[in-house]
Amino acid sequence: MTNTKTSNIRDTAAQINALASLGCDVVRVAVPDMDSANAIGDIKSLTGGVPIVADIHFDHRLAIRAAQAGADKIRINPGNIGGVGNVRAVADICAKKGIPIRIGVNSGSIDEEIIGKHGGVTAEAMYESALEHIRLLNRFDFDDICVSAKASSVPLTIAAYAMLHERTDYPLHLGVTEAGTEYAGIIKSSIGLGSLLTRGIGDTIRVSLTAPPEREVEAAIEILKAAGLRAGYELISCPTCGRCGIDLIPIAHEVNERLKSLGRDISVAVMGCAVNGPGEASRADYGIAGGEGEGVLFKKGAIIKKTPVDRLVDELFSIIESEEDTF
């Protein structure tokens, strides 16, 4: 999700383009006012076709205008936009333009009656809240629906999405909401989203961090790669120990940064010693294993050459780049 003022067309478009360059497939923008809704068409003209989701709260007129301006999806809670007539108006414009609606259920905004019925904010309460919103749209023959059921609690998030997956056929947008600052938020998101994705649950994801949006996208892509759902480079590196013969940590970071710009679907190992070297990392396409004052470069577990430590990374990428068509 962008964090610019959506009404600032150039800043928002620039951020969307930056996120897309990192691998973001869908972008959500906040639409708190009519200027933001009106800006969507101009933003789309500057962003090369990245699908834009308009995030709407309370005012159905913003949803209608965002749809008219070219939003690719509308995110609302049908129950909080002011009555059935307003819901019908949003459903009608979205149906006319073929725009799906995402029902966004958050653990912090469930109706008090539902909470009372279930004795608190539970997975059942979140499921019932989603179902209530779905039925409201269905009243107006609208069923092009995606659902999210986010909580800041990881176990609650997992349980709510699992229930939706088991009991409905709607696409699910996954997220652990308000997950926190970057380090803690990535851990919570990895556990919550990863456990669902590896069970075949979820169609889109958002990693929510108190951090720049670029970090959210990078974390999301790593989660998808770890779950086997997205191609890309893989860095395999050991945790270091007393056997480590080289200053491994900066080497691993340098290799990672250079792999980002390489744009290849390969695996590269950065290992600190012979114990964790070519043998243990033999599945990697290429790799480094450290020694005292020098290291070895290897390919599919077979040693290619010994190299001084200060030349390891450059020599590694010289080999990788010379064999661009190998993998």
Protein backbone atom coordinates (compact mmCIF):
# COMPACT_ATOMS: atom_id res chain seq x y z
CA MET A 1 0.00 0.00 0.00
CA THR A 2 1.26 3.46 -0.84
CA ASN A 3 1.86 6.01 1.92
CA THR A 4 1.77 9.15 -0.21
CA LYS A 5 -1.19 11.49 -0.36
CA THR A 6 -3.11 9.93 -3.23
CA SER A 7 -4.20 13.37 -4.41
CA ASN A 8 -0.51 14.08 -5.05
CA ILE A 9 -0.52 12.37 -8.42
CA ARG A 10 3.18 12.53 -9.25
CA ASP A 11 4.40 11.37 -5.84
CA THR A 12 1.89 8.52 -5.76
CA ALA A 13 2.69 7.43 -9.31
CA ALA A 14 6.42 7.54 -8.57
CA GLN A 15 5.96 5.35 -5.51
CA ILE A 16 3.80 2.86 -7.39
CA ASN A 17 6.43 2.60 -10.12
CA ALA A 18 9.13 2.05 -7.50
CA LEU A 19 7.08 -0.71 -5.85
CA ALA A 20 6.37 -2.33 -9.21
CA SER A 21 10.10 -2.37 -9.99
CA LEU A 22 10.61 -4.43 -6.82
CA GLY A 23 8.04 -7.00 -7.93
CA CYS A 24 4.76 -5.64 -6.54
CA ASP A 25 1.82 -6.91 -8.63
CA VAL A 26 -1.10 -4.94 -7.15
CA VAL A 27 -1.09 -1.60 -5.34
CA ARG A 28 -3.64 -0.21 -2.88
CA VAL A 29 -4.08 3.53 -2.40
CA ALA A 30 -5.95 5.37 0.34
CA VAL A 31 -8.99 7.34 -0.84
CA PRO A 32 -9.98 9.57 2.09
CA ASP A 33 -11.42 12.41 -0.03
CA MET A 34 -12.77 13.26 -3.45
CA ASP A 35 -9.45 14.71 -4.66
CA SER A 36 -7.88 11.29 -4.07
CA ALA A 37 -10.68 9.50 -5.90
CA ASN A 38 -10.39 11.89 -8.84
CA ALA A 39 -6.62 11.33 -9.01
CA ILE A 40 -6.84 7.61 -9.77
CA GLY A 41 -7.21 7.97 -13.53
CA ASP A 42 -4.17 10.24 -13.83
CA ILE A 43 -2.15 7.95 -11.55
CA LYS A 44 -2.99 4.98 -13.75
CA SER A 45 -1.83 6.83 -16.85
CA LEU A 46 1.60 7.24 -15.24
CA THR A 47 2.06 3.75 -13.83
CA GLY A 48 2.11 1.33 -16.73
CA GLY A 49 -0.98 -0.70 -15.95
CA VAL A 50 -0.30 -1.74 -12.34
CA PRO A 51 -3.75 -2.67 -10.94
CA ILE A 52 -4.89 -0.12 -8.36
CA VAL A 53 -7.16 -0.93 -5.42
CA ALA A 54 -9.05 2.04 -3.95
CA ASP A 55 -9.26 1.83 -0.15
CA ILE A 56 -12.58 3.35 0.94
CA HIS A 57 -14.02 3.94 4.40
CA PHE A 58 -17.48 5.24 5.31
CA ASP A 59 -18.30 7.41 2.26
CA HIS A 60 -19.90 5.46 -0.60
CA ARG A 61 -19.51 8.45 -2.92
CA LEU A 62 -15.74 7.97 -2.84
CA ALA A 63 -16.16 4.37 -3.94
CA ILE A 64 -18.41 5.41 -6.82
CA ARG A 65 -16.02 8.13 -7.98
CA ALA A 66 -12.97 5.84 -7.66
CA ALA A 67 -14.74 3.27 -9.83
CA GLN A 68 -15.60 5.91 -12.40
CA ALA A 69 -12.00 7.16 -12.38
CA GLY A 70 -10.62 3.72 -13.25
CA ALA A 71 -9.89 1.84 -10.02
CA ASP A 72 -9.33 -1.86 -10.67
CA LYS A 73 -10.81 -2.96 -7.33
CA ILE A 74 -12.72 -1.28 -4.50
CA ARG A 75 -11.98 -2.14 -0.87
CA ILE A 76 -14.90 -1.40 1.46
CA ASN A 77 -16.83 -2.74 4.41
CA PRO A 78 -20.39 -2.72 2.97
CA GLY A 79 -21.83 -2.39 6.46
CA ASN A 80 -20.20 0.95 7.23
CA ILE A 81 -20.98 3.03 4.13
CA GLY A 82 -24.37 4.30 5.19
CA GLY A 83 -27.25 1.94 4.49
CA VAL A 84 -28.51 -0.45 1.84
CA GLY A 85 -29.11 2.26 -0.75
CA ASN A 86 -25.46 3.23 -0.66
CA VAL A 87 -24.37 -0.38 -0.87
CA ARG A 88 -26.60 -0.87 -3.92
CA ALA A 89 -25.10 2.21 -5.60
CA VAL A 90 -21.54 0.88 -5.11
CA ALA A 91 -22.51 -2.63 -6.21
CA ASP A 92 -24.22 -1.25 -9.32
CA ILE A 93 -21.26 0.83 -10.52
CA CYS A 94 -18.82 -2.01 -9.82
CA ALA A 95 -21.03 -4.50 -11.68
CA LYS A 96 -21.38 -2.13 -14.62
CA LYS A 97 -17.61 -1.67 -14.89
CA GLY A 98 -16.59 -5.22 -13.99
CA ILE A 99 -14.77 -4.10 -10.85
CA PRO A 100 -14.43 -6.58 -7.95
CA ILE A 101 -15.02 -5.52 -4.36
CA ARG A 102 -12.81 -6.59 -1.48
CA ILE A 103 -14.62 -6.93 1.80
CA GLY A 104 -12.12 -5.92 4.45
CA VAL A 105 -12.85 -7.44 7.85
CA ASN A 106 -10.54 -6.34 10.67
CA SER A 107 -10.60 -7.73 14.18
CA GLY A 108 -10.85 -4.19 15.55
CA SER A 109 -13.99 -3.22 13.63
CA ILE A 110 -16.42 -6.09 14.11
CA ASP A 111 -20.00 -5.21 15.04
CA GLU A 112 -20.56 -5.30 18.80
CA GLU A 113 -23.58 -7.57 18.42
CA ILE A 114 -21.46 -10.20 16.67
CA ILE A 115 -18.73 -9.87 19.31
CA GLY A 116 -21.32 -10.36 22.05
CA LYS A 117 -22.78 -13.38 20.33
CA HIS A 118 -19.39 -15.12 20.15
CA GLY A 119 -18.05 -13.94 23.50
CA GLY A 120 -15.29 -11.81 22.03
CA VAL A 121 -13.28 -11.28 18.89
CA THR A 122 -12.92 -14.85 17.68
CA ALA A 123 -12.38 -16.54 14.34
CA GLU A 124 -16.10 -17.34 14.27
CA ALA A 125 -16.93 -13.69 14.88
CA MET A 126 -14.65 -12.59 12.03
CA TYR A 127 -16.15 -15.24 9.74
CA GLU A 128 -19.70 -14.15 10.58
CA SER A 129 -18.79 -10.50 10.00
CA ALA A 130 -17.43 -11.37 6.55
CA LEU A 131 -20.52 -13.43 5.77
CA GLU A 132 -22.80 -10.57 6.77
CA HIS A 133 -21.01 -8.23 4.36
CA ILE A 134 -21.08 -10.85 1.59
CA ARG A 135 -24.84 -11.31 2.00
CA LEU A 136 -25.34 -7.56 1.84
CA LEU A 137 -23.65 -7.39 -1.57
CA ASN A 138 -25.41 -10.56 -2.71
CA ARG A 139 -28.76 -8.84 -2.09
CA PHE A 140 -27.98 -6.72 -5.11
CA ASP A 141 -26.81 -9.62 -7.27
CA PHE A 142 -23.15 -8.74 -6.76
CA ASP A 143 -20.79 -11.64 -6.15
CA ASP A 144 -17.45 -10.55 -7.66
CA ILE A 145 -16.00 -10.51 -4.16
CA CYS A 146 -12.63 -10.95 -2.47
CA VAL A 147 -12.41 -11.21 1.32
CA SER A 148 -9.80 -10.34 3.92
CA ALA A 149 -9.99 -11.13 7.63
CA LYS A 150 -7.03 -9.48 9.28
CA ALA A 151 -6.05 -9.35 12.93
CA SER A 152 -2.91 -8.23 14.73
CA SER A 153 -2.93 -11.62 16.48
CA VAL A 154 -1.24 -14.23 14.31
CA PRO A 155 -3.19 -17.26 15.68
CA LEU A 156 -6.50 -15.40 15.24
CA THR A 157 -5.57 -14.39 11.69
CA ILE A 158 -4.69 -17.97 10.76
CA ALA A 159 -7.88 -19.37 12.30
CA ALA A 160 -10.14 -16.81 10.59
CA TYR A 161 -8.65 -17.36 7.15
CA ALA A 162 -8.71 -21.14 7.55
CA MET A 163 -12.41 -20.94 8.38
CA LEU A 164 -13.14 -18.75 5.34
CA HIS A 165 -11.17 -21.13 3.14
CA GLU A 166 -13.09 -24.15 4.41
CA ARG A 167 -16.55 -22.60 4.26
CA THR A 168 -16.51 -20.28 1.22
CA ASP A 169 -15.12 -20.21 -2.30
CA TYR A 170 -14.20 -16.54 -2.39
CA PRO A 171 -10.63 -15.40 -3.19
CA LEU A 172 -8.79 -14.42 -0.01
CA HIS A 173 -6.48 -11.46 0.50
CA LEU A 174 -4.08 -12.34 3.33
CA GLY A 175 -2.53 -10.05 5.88
CA VAL A 176 -1.60 -9.69 9.53
CA THR A 177 -2.76 -6.16 10.25
CA GLU A 178 -0.83 -3.65 12.37
CA ALA A 179 2.01 -6.16 12.60
CA GLY A 180 4.44 -3.61 14.02
CA THR A 181 7.86 -2.29 13.15
CA GLU A 182 9.95 -3.91 10.45
CA TYR A 183 11.72 -6.67 12.38
CA ALA A 184 8.80 -7.85 14.50
CA GLY A 185 6.29 -7.25 11.72
CA ILE A 186 8.16 -9.40 9.23
CA ILE A 187 8.33 -12.24 11.75
CA LYS A 188 4.59 -12.04 12.50
CA SER A 189 3.72 -11.78 8.82
CA SER A 190 6.01 -14.66 7.87
CA ILE A 191 4.40 -16.96 10.42
CA GLY A 192 0.83 -15.89 9.65
CA LEU A 193 1.01 -15.67 5.88
CA GLY A 194 3.52 -18.47 5.43
CA SER A 195 1.48 -20.99 7.38
CA LEU A 196 -1.58 -20.20 5.26
CA LEU A 197 0.19 -20.08 1.91
CA THR A 198 1.85 -23.45 2.43
CA ARG A 199 -1.63 -24.92 3.00
CA GLY A 200 -2.87 -23.53 -0.29
CA ILE A 201 -4.81 -20.70 1.34
CA GLY A 202 -4.68 -17.19 -0.10
CA ASP A 203 -4.71 -15.42 -3.44
CA THR A 204 -3.05 -12.06 -2.72
CA ILE A 205 -1.02 -10.85 0.25
CA ARG A 206 0.03 -7.63 1.90
CA VAL A 207 2.77 -7.40 4.52
CA SER A 208 1.84 -4.54 6.88
CA LEU A 209 4.85 -2.85 8.47
CA THR A 210 5.57 0.40 10.22
CA ALA A 211 8.24 0.89 7.58
CA PRO A 212 8.53 2.22 4.02
CA PRO A 213 6.26 0.45 1.53
CA GLU A 214 9.32 -0.81 -0.34
CA ARG A 215 10.23 -2.93 2.68
CA GLU A 216 6.70 -4.38 2.71
CA VAL A 217 7.05 -5.47 -0.90
CA GLU A 218 10.51 -6.96 -0.37
CA ALA A 219 9.26 -8.91 2.65
CA ALA A 220 6.18 -10.14 0.75
CA ILE A 221 8.28 -11.40 -2.13
CA GLU A 222 10.63 -13.24 0.22
CA ILE A 223 7.65 -14.89 1.92
CA LEU A 224 6.27 -15.99 -1.45
CA LYS A 225 9.66 -17.32 -2.53
CA ALA A 226 10.08 -19.23 0.74
CA ALA A 227 6.62 -20.76 0.26
CA GLY A 228 7.60 -21.88 -3.25
CA LEU A 229 5.05 -19.58 -4.88
CA ARG A 230 7.33 -17.12 -6.64
CA ALA A 231 10.49 -17.51 -8.68
CA GLY A 232 13.60 -15.48 -7.98
CA TYR A 233 17.09 -15.78 -6.64
CA GLU A 234 17.77 -17.68 -3.44
CA LEU A 235 20.63 -16.89 -1.09
CA ILE A 236 21.75 -19.83 1.05
CA SER A 237 24.08 -18.74 3.84
CA CYS A 238 25.23 -20.35 7.07
CA PRO A 239 24.72 -18.71 10.48
CA THR A 240 28.51 -18.58 11.23
CA CYS A 241 30.26 -20.22 14.15
CA GLY A 242 33.79 -20.62 15.55
CA ARG A 243 34.81 -22.60 12.46
CA CYS A 244 34.14 -19.67 10.13
CA GLY A 245 37.31 -18.80 8.24
CA ILE A 246 36.18 -15.55 6.58
CA ASP A 247 34.24 -12.42 7.54
CA LEU A 248 31.05 -13.97 6.25
CA ILE A 249 28.35 -11.47 7.19
CA PRO A 250 29.43 -8.56 4.94
CA ILE A 251 30.17 -11.02 2.13
CA ALA A 252 26.66 -12.48 2.38
CA HIS A 253 25.12 -9.00 2.31
CA GLU A 254 27.16 -8.00 -0.71
CA VAL A 255 26.20 -11.16 -2.58
CA ASN A 256 22.53 -10.58 -1.73
CA GLU A 257 22.59 -7.01 -3.03
CA ARG A 258 24.28 -8.03 -6.26
CA LEU A 259 21.80 -10.87 -6.77
CA LYS A 260 18.92 -8.37 -6.52
CA SER A 261 20.19 -6.47 -9.53
CA LEU A 262 21.14 -9.61 -11.48
CA GLY A 263 17.55 -10.59 -12.27
CA ARG A 264 18.17 -14.34 -12.48
CA ASP A 265 16.37 -17.30 -10.91
CA ILE A 266 19.42 -18.94 -9.38
CA SER A 267 20.54 -20.13 -5.95
CA VAL A 268 23.85 -18.99 -4.48
CA ALA A 269 25.45 -20.28 -1.28
CA VAL A 270 27.72 -18.27 1.00
CA MET A 271 29.29 -20.66 3.51
CA GLY A 272 31.86 -19.95 6.20
CA CYS A 273 33.99 -23.08 6.22
CA ALA A 274 34.69 -26.43 4.61
CA VAL A 275 32.21 -28.20 6.93
CA ASN A 276 29.33 -26.13 5.59
CA GLY A 277 30.90 -25.68 2.19
CA PRO A 278 30.36 -27.34 -1.17
CA GLY A 279 29.05 -30.61 0.24
CA GLU A 280 26.28 -29.26 2.47
CA ALA A 281 25.38 -26.57 -0.09
CA SER A 282 25.68 -28.82 -3.13
CA ARG A 283 22.13 -28.04 -4.28
CA ALA A 284 23.11 -24.40 -4.87
CA ASP A 285 23.84 -23.38 -8.45
CA TYR A 286 26.94 -21.48 -7.33
CA GLY A 287 28.67 -20.80 -4.06
CA ILE A 288 31.49 -19.55 -1.87
CA ALA A 289 33.09 -21.51 0.99
CA GLY A 290 35.55 -19.78 3.30
CA GLY A 291 38.96 -20.85 4.49
CA GLU A 292 41.91 -19.17 6.22
CA GLY A 293 42.70 -16.11 4.11
CA GLU A 294 41.09 -17.58 1.03
CA GLY A 295 37.98 -19.37 -0.14
CA VAL A 296 36.75 -21.67 -2.84
CA LEU A 297 34.17 -21.08 -5.52
CA PHE A 298 31.95 -23.99 -6.45
CA LYS A 299 29.18 -24.90 -8.86
CA LYS A 300 26.61 -27.60 -8.02
CA GLY A 301 28.93 -28.82 -5.27
CA ALA A 302 32.02 -29.11 -7.51
CA ILE A 303 34.93 -26.83 -6.63
CA ILE A 304 35.95 -24.54 -9.48
CA LYS A 305 38.89 -22.62 -7.99
CA LYS A 306 40.52 -21.16 -4.91
CA THR A 307 40.39 -17.38 -4.59
CA PRO A 308 41.75 -14.77 -2.15
CA VAL A 309 39.08 -13.48 0.21
CA ASP A 310 39.09 -9.96 -1.22
CA ARG A 311 38.31 -11.36 -4.68
CA LEU A 312 35.68 -13.94 -3.76
CA VAL A 313 32.54 -11.96 -4.60
CA ASP A 314 33.89 -10.42 -7.80
CA GLU A 315 35.13 -13.80 -9.04
CA LEU A 316 31.84 -15.44 -8.12
CA PHE A 317 29.82 -12.97 -10.18
CA SER A 318 32.30 -13.08 -13.02
CA ILE A 319 31.57 -16.81 -13.30
CA ILE A 320 27.81 -16.37 -12.91
CA GLU A 321 27.62 -13.62 -15.52
CA SER A 322 29.78 -15.57 -17.98
CA GLU A 323 27.33 -18.48 -17.80
CA GLU A 324 24.15 -16.44 -18.14
CA ASP A 325 22.37 -18.99 -20.27
CA THR A 326 23.27 -22.02 -18.14
CA PHE A 327 20.21 -21.82 -15.85
